[in-house]
Structures are given as structure tokens and as C-alpha cells.
PDB file of N, CA and C in Angstrom:
ATOM      1  N   MET A   1      -3.018  -2.056 -20.116  1.00  0.00           N
ATOM      2  CA  MET A   1      -4.237  -2.450 -19.449  1.00  0.00           C
ATOM      3  C   MET A   1      -5.276  -2.840 -20.489  1.00  0.00           C
ATOM      4  N   THR A   2      -5.943  -3.920 -20.243  1.00  0.00           N
ATOM      5  CA  THR A   2      -6.950  -4.370 -21.180  1.00  0.00           C
ATOM      6  C   THR A   2      -8.346  -3.923 -20.754  1.00  0.00           C
ATOM      7  N   LYS A   3      -8.592  -3.788 -19.482  1.00  0.00           N
ATOM      8  CA  LYS A   3      -9.918  -3.414 -19.003  1.00  0.00           C
ATOM      9  C   LYS A   3     -10.082  -1.901 -18.993  1.00  0.00           C
ATOM     10  N   LYS A   4     -11.241  -1.454 -19.434  1.00  0.00           N
ATOM     11  CA  LYS A   4     -11.587  -0.029 -19.373  1.00  0.00           C
ATOM     12  C   LYS A   4     -12.353   0.209 -18.083  1.00  0.00           C
ATOM     13  N   PHE A   5     -11.921   1.180 -17.328  1.00  0.00           N
ATOM     14  CA  PHE A   5     -12.573   1.519 -16.076  1.00  0.00           C
ATOM     15  C   PHE A   5     -13.394   2.786 -16.254  1.00  0.00           C
ATOM     16  N   THR A   6     -14.502   2.867 -15.518  1.00  0.00           N
ATOM     17  CA  THR A   6     -15.273   4.100 -15.507  1.00  0.00           C
ATOM     18  C   THR A   6     -14.485   5.144 -14.729  1.00  0.00           C
ATOM     19  N   GLN A   7     -14.871   6.393 -14.865  1.00  0.00           N
ATOM     20  CA  GLN A   7     -14.186   7.463 -14.136  1.00  0.00           C
ATOM     21  C   GLN A   7     -14.325   7.256 -12.626  1.00  0.00           C
ATOM     22  N   GLU A   8     -15.478   6.736 -12.186  1.00  0.00           N
ATOM     23  CA  GLU A   8     -15.676   6.462 -10.759  1.00  0.00           C
ATOM     24  C   GLU A   8     -14.732   5.363 -10.281  1.00  0.00           C
ATOM     25  N   GLU A   9     -14.535   4.331 -11.102  1.00  0.00           N
ATOM     26  CA  GLU A   9     -13.611   3.254 -10.739  1.00  0.00           C
ATOM     27  C   GLU A   9     -12.172   3.765 -10.691  1.00  0.00           C
ATOM     28  N   VAL A  10     -11.793   4.568 -11.667  1.00  0.00           N
ATOM     29  CA  VAL A  10     -10.442   5.135 -11.685  1.00  0.00           C
ATOM     30  C   VAL A  10     -10.221   5.978 -10.435  1.00  0.00           C
ATOM     31  N   SER A  11     -11.223   6.772 -10.081  1.00  0.00           N
ATOM     32  CA  SER A  11     -11.122   7.610  -8.885  1.00  0.00           C
ATOM     33  C   SER A  11     -10.948   6.750  -7.634  1.00  0.00           C
ATOM     34  N   ARG A  12     -11.692   5.659  -7.531  1.00  0.00           N
ATOM     35  CA  ARG A  12     -11.590   4.768  -6.371  1.00  0.00           C
ATOM     36  C   ARG A  12     -10.244   4.057  -6.346  1.00  0.00           C
ATOM     37  N   ILE A  13      -9.745   3.636  -7.500  1.00  0.00           N
ATOM     38  CA  ILE A  13      -8.434   2.974  -7.565  1.00  0.00           C
ATOM     39  C   ILE A  13      -7.351   3.928  -7.078  1.00  0.00           C
ATOM     40  N   ILE A  14      -7.394   5.172  -7.539  1.00  0.00           N
ATOM     41  CA  ILE A  14      -6.403   6.169  -7.119  1.00  0.00           C
ATOM     42  C   ILE A  14      -6.506   6.404  -5.614  1.00  0.00           C
ATOM     43  N   GLU A  15      -7.722   6.516  -5.117  1.00  0.00           N
ATOM     44  CA  GLU A  15      -7.928   6.710  -3.674  1.00  0.00           C
ATOM     45  C   GLU A  15      -7.340   5.543  -2.885  1.00  0.00           C
ATOM     46  N   MET A  16      -7.617   4.322  -3.326  1.00  0.00           N
ATOM     47  CA  MET A  16      -7.087   3.144  -2.638  1.00  0.00           C
ATOM     48  C   MET A  16      -5.566   3.095  -2.708  1.00  0.00           C
ATOM     49  N   ALA A  17      -5.006   3.468  -3.858  1.00  0.00           N
ATOM     50  CA  ALA A  17      -3.552   3.428  -4.026  1.00  0.00           C
ATOM     51  C   ALA A  17      -2.858   4.434  -3.106  1.00  0.00           C
ATOM     52  N   TRP A  18      -3.497   5.572  -2.826  1.00  0.00           N
ATOM     53  CA  TRP A  18      -2.907   6.578  -1.942  1.00  0.00           C
ATOM     54  C   TRP A  18      -3.033   6.201  -0.479  1.00  0.00           C
ATOM     55  N   GLU A  19      -4.044   5.402  -0.129  1.00  0.00           N
ATOM     56  CA  GLU A  19      -4.245   5.026   1.276  1.00  0.00           C
ATOM     57  C   GLU A  19      -3.107   4.133   1.737  1.00  0.00           C
ATOM     58  N   ASP A  20      -2.503   4.462   2.849  1.00  0.00           N
ATOM     59  CA  ASP A  20      -1.371   3.686   3.349  1.00  0.00           C
ATOM     60  C   ASP A  20      -1.756   2.263   3.734  1.00  0.00           C
ATOM     61  N   ARG A  21      -2.943   2.066   4.240  1.00  0.00           N
ATOM     62  CA  ARG A  21      -3.329   0.736   4.714  1.00  0.00           C
ATOM     63  C   ARG A  21      -3.893  -0.167   3.626  1.00  0.00           C
ATOM     64  N   THR A  22      -4.226   0.369   2.474  1.00  0.00           N
ATOM     65  CA  THR A  22      -4.780  -0.467   1.402  1.00  0.00           C
ATOM     66  C   THR A  22      -3.637  -1.174   0.697  1.00  0.00           C
ATOM     67  N   SER A  23      -3.692  -2.486   0.686  1.00  0.00           N
ATOM     68  CA  SER A  23      -2.614  -3.266   0.068  1.00  0.00           C
ATOM     69  C   SER A  23      -2.812  -3.354  -1.443  1.00  0.00           C
ATOM     70  N   LEU A  24      -1.739  -3.657  -2.121  1.00  0.00           N
ATOM     71  CA  LEU A  24      -1.820  -3.891  -3.561  1.00  0.00           C
ATOM     72  C   LEU A  24      -2.656  -5.129  -3.847  1.00  0.00           C
ATOM     73  N   ASP A  25      -2.654  -6.066  -2.913  1.00  0.00           N
ATOM     74  CA  ASP A  25      -3.457  -7.276  -3.056  1.00  0.00           C
ATOM     75  C   ASP A  25      -4.953  -6.941  -3.062  1.00  0.00           C
ATOM     76  N   ALA A  26      -5.364  -5.984  -2.228  1.00  0.00           N
ATOM     77  CA  ALA A  26      -6.769  -5.573  -2.170  1.00  0.00           C
ATOM     78  C   ALA A  26      -7.184  -4.901  -3.481  1.00  0.00           C
ATOM     79  N   ILE A  27      -6.312  -4.093  -4.042  1.00  0.00           N
ATOM     80  CA  ILE A  27      -6.612  -3.446  -5.332  1.00  0.00           C
ATOM     81  C   ILE A  27      -6.734  -4.503  -6.422  1.00  0.00           C
ATOM     82  N   PHE A  28      -5.870  -5.508  -6.375  1.00  0.00           N
ATOM     83  CA  PHE A  28      -5.953  -6.593  -7.356  1.00  0.00           C
ATOM     84  C   PHE A  28      -7.261  -7.365  -7.212  1.00  0.00           C
ATOM     85  N   ARG A  29      -7.646  -7.674  -5.975  1.00  0.00           N
ATOM     86  CA  ARG A  29      -8.897  -8.411  -5.753  1.00  0.00           C
ATOM     87  C   ARG A  29     -10.114  -7.622  -6.241  1.00  0.00           C
ATOM     88  N   ASN A  30     -10.117  -6.327  -6.030  1.00  0.00           N
ATOM     89  CA  ASN A  30     -11.275  -5.509  -6.392  1.00  0.00           C
ATOM     90  C   ASN A  30     -11.318  -5.115  -7.868  1.00  0.00           C
ATOM     91  N   PHE A  31     -10.157  -4.885  -8.460  1.00  0.00           N
ATOM     92  CA  PHE A  31     -10.135  -4.337  -9.822  1.00  0.00           C
ATOM     93  C   PHE A  31      -9.311  -5.147 -10.811  1.00  0.00           C
ATOM     94  N   GLY A  32      -8.614  -6.184 -10.351  1.00  0.00           N
ATOM     95  CA  GLY A  32      -7.837  -7.028 -11.245  1.00  0.00           C
ATOM     96  C   GLY A  32      -6.568  -6.383 -11.773  1.00  0.00           C
ATOM     97  N   LEU A  33      -6.066  -5.348 -11.085  1.00  0.00           N
ATOM     98  CA  LEU A  33      -4.851  -4.659 -11.509  1.00  0.00           C
ATOM     99  C   LEU A  33      -3.642  -5.190 -10.750  1.00  0.00           C
ATOM    100  N   LYS A  34      -2.649  -5.664 -11.478  1.00  0.00           N
ATOM    101  CA  LYS A  34      -1.387  -6.047 -10.864  1.00  0.00           C
ATOM    102  C   LYS A  34      -0.583  -4.780 -10.606  1.00  0.00           C
ATOM    103  N   GLU A  35       0.495  -4.907  -9.859  1.00  0.00           N
ATOM    104  CA  GLU A  35       1.289  -3.744  -9.456  1.00  0.00           C
ATOM    105  C   GLU A  35       1.775  -2.931 -10.654  1.00  0.00           C
ATOM    106  N   ASP A  36       2.290  -3.594 -11.682  1.00  0.00           N
ATOM    107  CA  ASP A  36       2.796  -2.855 -12.850  1.00  0.00           C
ATOM    108  C   ASP A  36       1.668  -2.146 -13.596  1.00  0.00           C
ATOM    109  N   GLN A  37       0.478  -2.752 -13.636  1.00  0.00           N
ATOM    110  CA  GLN A  37      -0.675  -2.120 -14.281  1.00  0.00           C
ATOM    111  C   GLN A  37      -1.156  -0.917 -13.470  1.00  0.00           C
ATOM    112  N   LEU A  38      -1.108  -1.044 -12.152  1.00  0.00           N
ATOM    113  CA  LEU A  38      -1.493   0.066 -11.280  1.00  0.00           C
ATOM    114  C   LEU A  38      -0.539   1.247 -11.480  1.00  0.00           C
ATOM    115  N   LYS A  39       0.750   0.969 -11.577  1.00  0.00           N
ATOM    116  CA  LYS A  39       1.730   2.030 -11.809  1.00  0.00           C
ATOM    117  C   LYS A  39       1.438   2.769 -13.118  1.00  0.00           C
ATOM    118  N   LEU A  40       1.089   2.025 -14.163  1.00  0.00           N
ATOM    119  CA  LEU A  40       0.765   2.658 -15.444  1.00  0.00           C
ATOM    120  C   LEU A  40      -0.481   3.524 -15.341  1.00  0.00           C
ATOM    121  N   LEU A  41      -1.498   3.024 -14.659  1.00  0.00           N
ATOM    122  CA  LEU A  41      -2.726   3.805 -14.478  1.00  0.00           C
ATOM    123  C   LEU A  41      -2.443   5.080 -13.703  1.00  0.00           C
ATOM    124  N   MET A  42      -1.688   4.959 -12.616  1.00  0.00           N
ATOM    125  CA  MET A  42      -1.367   6.129 -11.796  1.00  0.00           C
ATOM    126  C   MET A  42      -0.539   7.134 -12.599  1.00  0.00           C
ATOM    127  N   LYS A  43       0.407   6.656 -13.383  1.00  0.00           N
ATOM    128  CA  LYS A  43       1.246   7.543 -14.184  1.00  0.00           C
ATOM    129  C   LYS A  43       0.408   8.297 -15.210  1.00  0.00           C
ATOM    130  N   LYS A  44      -0.585   7.609 -15.774  1.00  0.00           N
ATOM    131  CA  LYS A  44      -1.447   8.226 -16.774  1.00  0.00           C
ATOM    132  C   LYS A  44      -2.402   9.242 -16.151  1.00  0.00           C
ATOM    133  N   GLU A  45      -2.923   8.941 -14.974  1.00  0.00           N
ATOM    134  CA  GLU A  45      -3.982   9.756 -14.377  1.00  0.00           C
ATOM    135  C   GLU A  45      -3.473  10.895 -13.491  1.00  0.00           C
ATOM    136  N   LEU A  46      -2.294  10.747 -12.914  1.00  0.00           N
ATOM    137  CA  LEU A  46      -1.793  11.768 -11.992  1.00  0.00           C
ATOM    138  C   LEU A  46      -0.858  12.746 -12.703  1.00  0.00           C
ATOM    139  N   LYS A  47      -0.716  13.908 -12.107  1.00  0.00           N
ATOM    140  CA  LYS A  47       0.301  14.844 -12.576  1.00  0.00           C
ATOM    141  C   LYS A  47       1.656  14.238 -12.257  1.00  0.00           C
ATOM    142  N   ARG A  48       2.670  14.669 -12.976  1.00  0.00           N
ATOM    143  CA  ARG A  48       4.008  14.093 -12.828  1.00  0.00           C
ATOM    144  C   ARG A  48       4.508  14.144 -11.376  1.00  0.00           C
ATOM    145  N   GLY A  49       4.370  15.290 -10.729  1.00  0.00           N
ATOM    146  CA  GLY A  49       4.830  15.432  -9.348  1.00  0.00           C
ATOM    147  C   GLY A  49       4.054  14.547  -8.383  1.00  0.00           C
ATOM    148  N   SER A  50       2.748  14.423  -8.612  1.00  0.00           N
ATOM    149  CA  SER A  50       1.921  13.570  -7.756  1.00  0.00           C
ATOM    150  C   SER A  50       2.311  12.107  -7.921  1.00  0.00           C
ATOM    151  N   TYR A  51       2.566  11.709  -9.158  1.00  0.00           N
ATOM    152  CA  TYR A  51       2.984  10.337  -9.411  1.00  0.00           C
ATOM    153  C   TYR A  51       4.324  10.050  -8.731  1.00  0.00           C
ATOM    154  N   THR A  52       5.264  10.965  -8.848  1.00  0.00           N
ATOM    155  CA  THR A  52       6.576  10.798  -8.222  1.00  0.00           C
ATOM    156  C   THR A  52       6.443  10.684  -6.710  1.00  0.00           C
ATOM    157  N   LEU A  53       5.628  11.524  -6.113  1.00  0.00           N
ATOM    158  CA  LEU A  53       5.399  11.473  -4.674  1.00  0.00           C
ATOM    159  C   LEU A  53       4.761  10.151  -4.269  1.00  0.00           C
ATOM    160  N   TRP A  54       3.779   9.688  -5.040  1.00  0.00           N
ATOM    161  CA  TRP A  54       3.127   8.416  -4.755  1.00  0.00           C
ATOM    162  C   TRP A  54       4.119   7.268  -4.816  1.00  0.00           C
ATOM    163  N   ARG A  55       4.984   7.257  -5.827  1.00  0.00           N
ATOM    164  CA  ARG A  55       5.983   6.187  -5.960  1.00  0.00           C
ATOM    165  C   ARG A  55       6.947   6.187  -4.773  1.00  0.00           C
ATOM    166  N   LYS A  56       7.352   7.371  -4.325  1.00  0.00           N
ATOM    167  CA  LYS A  56       8.241   7.448  -3.162  1.00  0.00           C
ATOM    168  C   LYS A  56       7.557   6.869  -1.929  1.00  0.00           C
ATOM    169  N   ARG A  57       6.294   7.230  -1.730  1.00  0.00           N
ATOM    170  CA  ARG A  57       5.547   6.702  -0.577  1.00  0.00           C
ATOM    171  C   ARG A  57       5.383   5.198  -0.673  1.00  0.00           C
ATOM    172  N   MET A  58       5.118   4.725  -1.879  1.00  0.00           N
ATOM    173  CA  MET A  58       4.886   3.296  -2.071  1.00  0.00           C
ATOM    174  C   MET A  58       6.150   2.489  -1.811  1.00  0.00           C
ATOM    175  N   LYS A  59       7.293   3.024  -2.183  1.00  0.00           N
ATOM    176  CA  LYS A  59       8.556   2.303  -2.010  1.00  0.00           C
ATOM    177  C   LYS A  59       8.921   2.110  -0.543  1.00  0.00           C
ATOM    178  N   VAL A  60       8.560   3.050   0.310  1.00  0.00           N
ATOM    179  CA  VAL A  60       8.945   2.950   1.714  1.00  0.00           C
ATOM    180  C   VAL A  60       7.866   2.303   2.588  1.00  0.00           C
ATOM    181  N   SER A  61       6.695   2.058   2.033  1.00  0.00           N
ATOM    182  CA  SER A  61       5.616   1.496   2.836  1.00  0.00           C
ATOM    183  C   SER A  61       5.771  -0.014   2.987  1.00  0.00           C
ATOM    184  N   HIS A  62       5.758  -0.477   4.214  1.00  0.00           N
ATOM    185  CA  HIS A  62       5.843  -1.918   4.478  1.00  0.00           C
ATOM    186  C   HIS A  62       4.452  -2.548   4.504  1.00  0.00           C
ATOM    187  N   LEU A  63       3.423  -1.769   4.265  1.00  0.00           N
ATOM    188  CA  LEU A  63       2.052  -2.271   4.316  1.00  0.00           C
ATOM    189  C   LEU A  63       1.507  -2.634   2.935  1.00  0.00           C
ATOM    190  N   ARG A  64       2.258  -2.402   1.892  1.00  0.00           N
ATOM    191  CA  ARG A  64       1.739  -2.554   0.540  1.00  0.00           C
ATOM    192  C   ARG A  64       1.424  -3.995   0.149  1.00  0.00           C
ATOM    193  N   HIS A  65       2.083  -4.965   0.738  1.00  0.00           N
ATOM    194  CA  HIS A  65       1.795  -6.371   0.452  1.00  0.00           C
ATOM    195  C   HIS A  65       1.326  -7.029   1.737  1.00  0.00           C
ATOM    196  N   GLU A  66       0.201  -7.708   1.671  1.00  0.00           N
ATOM    197  CA  GLU A  66      -0.390  -8.305   2.872  1.00  0.00           C
ATOM    198  C   GLU A  66       0.562  -9.276   3.564  1.00  0.00           C
ATOM    199  N   ALA A  67       1.366  -9.995   2.796  1.00  0.00           N
ATOM    200  CA  ALA A  67       2.282 -10.974   3.375  1.00  0.00           C
ATOM    201  C   ALA A  67       3.364 -10.314   4.222  1.00  0.00           C
ATOM    202  N   LEU A  68       3.679  -9.050   3.958  1.00  0.00           N
ATOM    203  CA  LEU A  68       4.736  -8.352   4.691  1.00  0.00           C
ATOM    204  C   LEU A  68       4.218  -7.557   5.881  1.00  0.00           C
ATOM    205  N   ARG A  69       2.905  -7.525   6.072  1.00  0.00           N
ATOM    206  CA  ARG A  69       2.323  -6.727   7.156  1.00  0.00           C
ATOM    207  C   ARG A  69       2.539  -7.372   8.510  1.00  0.00           C
ATOM    208  N   PRO A  70       2.649  -6.549   9.523  1.00  0.00           N
ATOM    209  CA  PRO A  70       2.682  -7.091  10.885  1.00  0.00           C
ATOM    210  C   PRO A  70       1.350  -7.776  11.202  1.00  0.00           C
ATOM    211  N   ALA A  71       1.379  -8.715  12.091  1.00  0.00           N
ATOM    212  CA  ALA A  71       0.192  -9.516  12.403  1.00  0.00           C
ATOM    213  C   ALA A  71      -0.990  -8.681  12.893  1.00  0.00           C
ATOM    214  N   GLY A  72      -0.760  -7.554  13.517  1.00  0.00           N
ATOM    215  CA  GLY A  72      -1.845  -6.759  14.077  1.00  0.00           C
ATOM    216  C   GLY A  72      -2.653  -5.956  13.078  1.00  0.00           C
ATOM    217  N   ILE A  73      -2.200  -5.841  11.854  1.00  0.00           N
ATOM    218  CA  ILE A  73      -2.916  -5.038  10.862  1.00  0.00           C
ATOM    219  C   ILE A  73      -3.819  -5.956  10.059  1.00  0.00           C
ATOM    220  N   THR A  74      -5.113  -5.830  10.325  1.00  0.00           N
ATOM    221  CA  THR A  74      -6.083  -6.694   9.653  1.00  0.00           C
ATOM    222  C   THR A  74      -7.052  -5.921   8.788  1.00  0.00           C
ATOM    223  N   ARG A  75      -7.095  -4.590   8.921  1.00  0.00           N
ATOM    224  CA  ARG A  75      -8.028  -3.772   8.151  1.00  0.00           C
ATOM    225  C   ARG A  75      -7.271  -2.986   7.086  1.00  0.00           C
ATOM    226  N   ALA A  76      -8.018  -2.612   6.047  1.00  0.00           N
ATOM    227  CA  ALA A  76      -7.427  -1.788   4.998  1.00  0.00           C
ATOM    228  C   ALA A  76      -7.782  -0.322   5.182  1.00  0.00           C
ATOM    229  N   TYR A  77      -8.383   0.009   6.307  1.00  0.00           N
ATOM    230  CA  TYR A  77      -8.763   1.396   6.555  1.00  0.00           C
ATOM    231  C   TYR A  77      -8.699   1.678   8.043  1.00  0.00           C
ATOM    232  N   CYS A  78      -8.665   2.931   8.378  1.00  0.00           N
ATOM    233  CA  CYS A  78      -8.639   3.363   9.770  1.00  0.00           C
ATOM    234  C   CYS A  78      -9.987   3.069  10.416  1.00  0.00           C
ATOM    235  N   SER A  79     -10.000   2.690  11.672  1.00  0.00           N
ATOM    236  CA  SER A  79     -11.257   2.370  12.353  1.00  0.00           C
ATOM    237  C   SER A  79     -12.195   3.570  12.434  1.00  0.00           C
ATOM    238  N   GLN A  80     -11.671   4.781  12.329  1.00  0.00           N
ATOM    239  CA  GLN A  80     -12.489   5.998  12.382  1.00  0.00           C
ATOM    240  C   GLN A  80     -12.986   6.438  11.002  1.00  0.00           C
ATOM    241  N   GLN A  81     -12.490   5.840   9.940  1.00  0.00           N
ATOM    242  CA  GLN A  81     -12.727   6.335   8.593  1.00  0.00           C
ATOM    243  C   GLN A  81     -14.173   6.260   8.139  1.00  0.00           C
ATOM    244  N   TYR A  82     -14.894   5.198   8.454  1.00  0.00           N
ATOM    245  CA  TYR A  82     -16.229   5.008   7.913  1.00  0.00           C
ATOM    246  C   TYR A  82     -17.322   5.134   8.962  1.00  0.00           C
ATOM    247  N   LYS A  83     -17.101   5.917   9.989  1.00  0.00           N
ATOM    248  CA  LYS A  83     -18.126   6.140  10.999  1.00  0.00           C
ATOM    249  C   LYS A  83     -19.101   7.195  10.521  1.00  0.00           C
ATOM    250  N   PHE A  84     -20.377   6.911  10.714  1.00  0.00           N
ATOM    251  CA  PHE A  84     -21.411   7.870  10.320  1.00  0.00           C
ATOM    252  C   PHE A  84     -21.627   8.876  11.433  1.00  0.00           C
ATOM    253  N   LYS A  85     -21.711  10.125  11.046  1.00  0.00           N
ATOM    254  CA  LYS A  85     -21.927  11.182  12.034  1.00  0.00           C
ATOM    255  C   LYS A  85     -23.415  11.492  12.114  1.00  0.00           C
ATOM    256  N   LYS A  86     -23.895  11.717  13.347  1.00  0.00           N
ATOM    257  CA  LYS A  86     -25.313  12.012  13.554  1.00  0.00           C
ATOM    258  C   LYS A  86     -25.524  13.478  13.796  1.00  0.00           C
TER     259      LYS A  86
END
């Protein structure tokens, strides 16, 4: 990786990578990380078991690339995720 990320950016990248609905394309658009670069960042930042679990989840997810998503999935987050509570 050539770009240095702040700790807040690294935290957000990891959060996005764990979210099932966030595509790798969205991470690339926001942070300029290709899939292989994201794998290296995750391997460096996560514990070994967490990284292994993440890779297993990523391999079976059909939502990781926008081109492979079903037509009905248009958001990268759950509709309930960003609702403000009063």
C-alpha cells in the first residue's frame, strides 16, 4: 500500500469490509484500495483468527462485487442502520 491512512480511516475501512452489503467497489471508490490491497490491510490490522473468519465470509458472499449483485440490492447498508433515535 502506498497511501497512509489515519486510524479513523483504517477503522472505517475495516467496518466497511465486515459489512455484508458494502461492496469492494464502494471501498475502492472511497479509499482507493483494490481487493488485494484491502486483504493486506485486513491481515495487518486484524488478529489472525479474525482475518481468517473475514476471508471465509468474503469468499461466500455474492454481494462483494456490484456487478454480481441481484437487481434489488441498491444500498450498501441496511435501511434501519442510520436512523436517528429521538
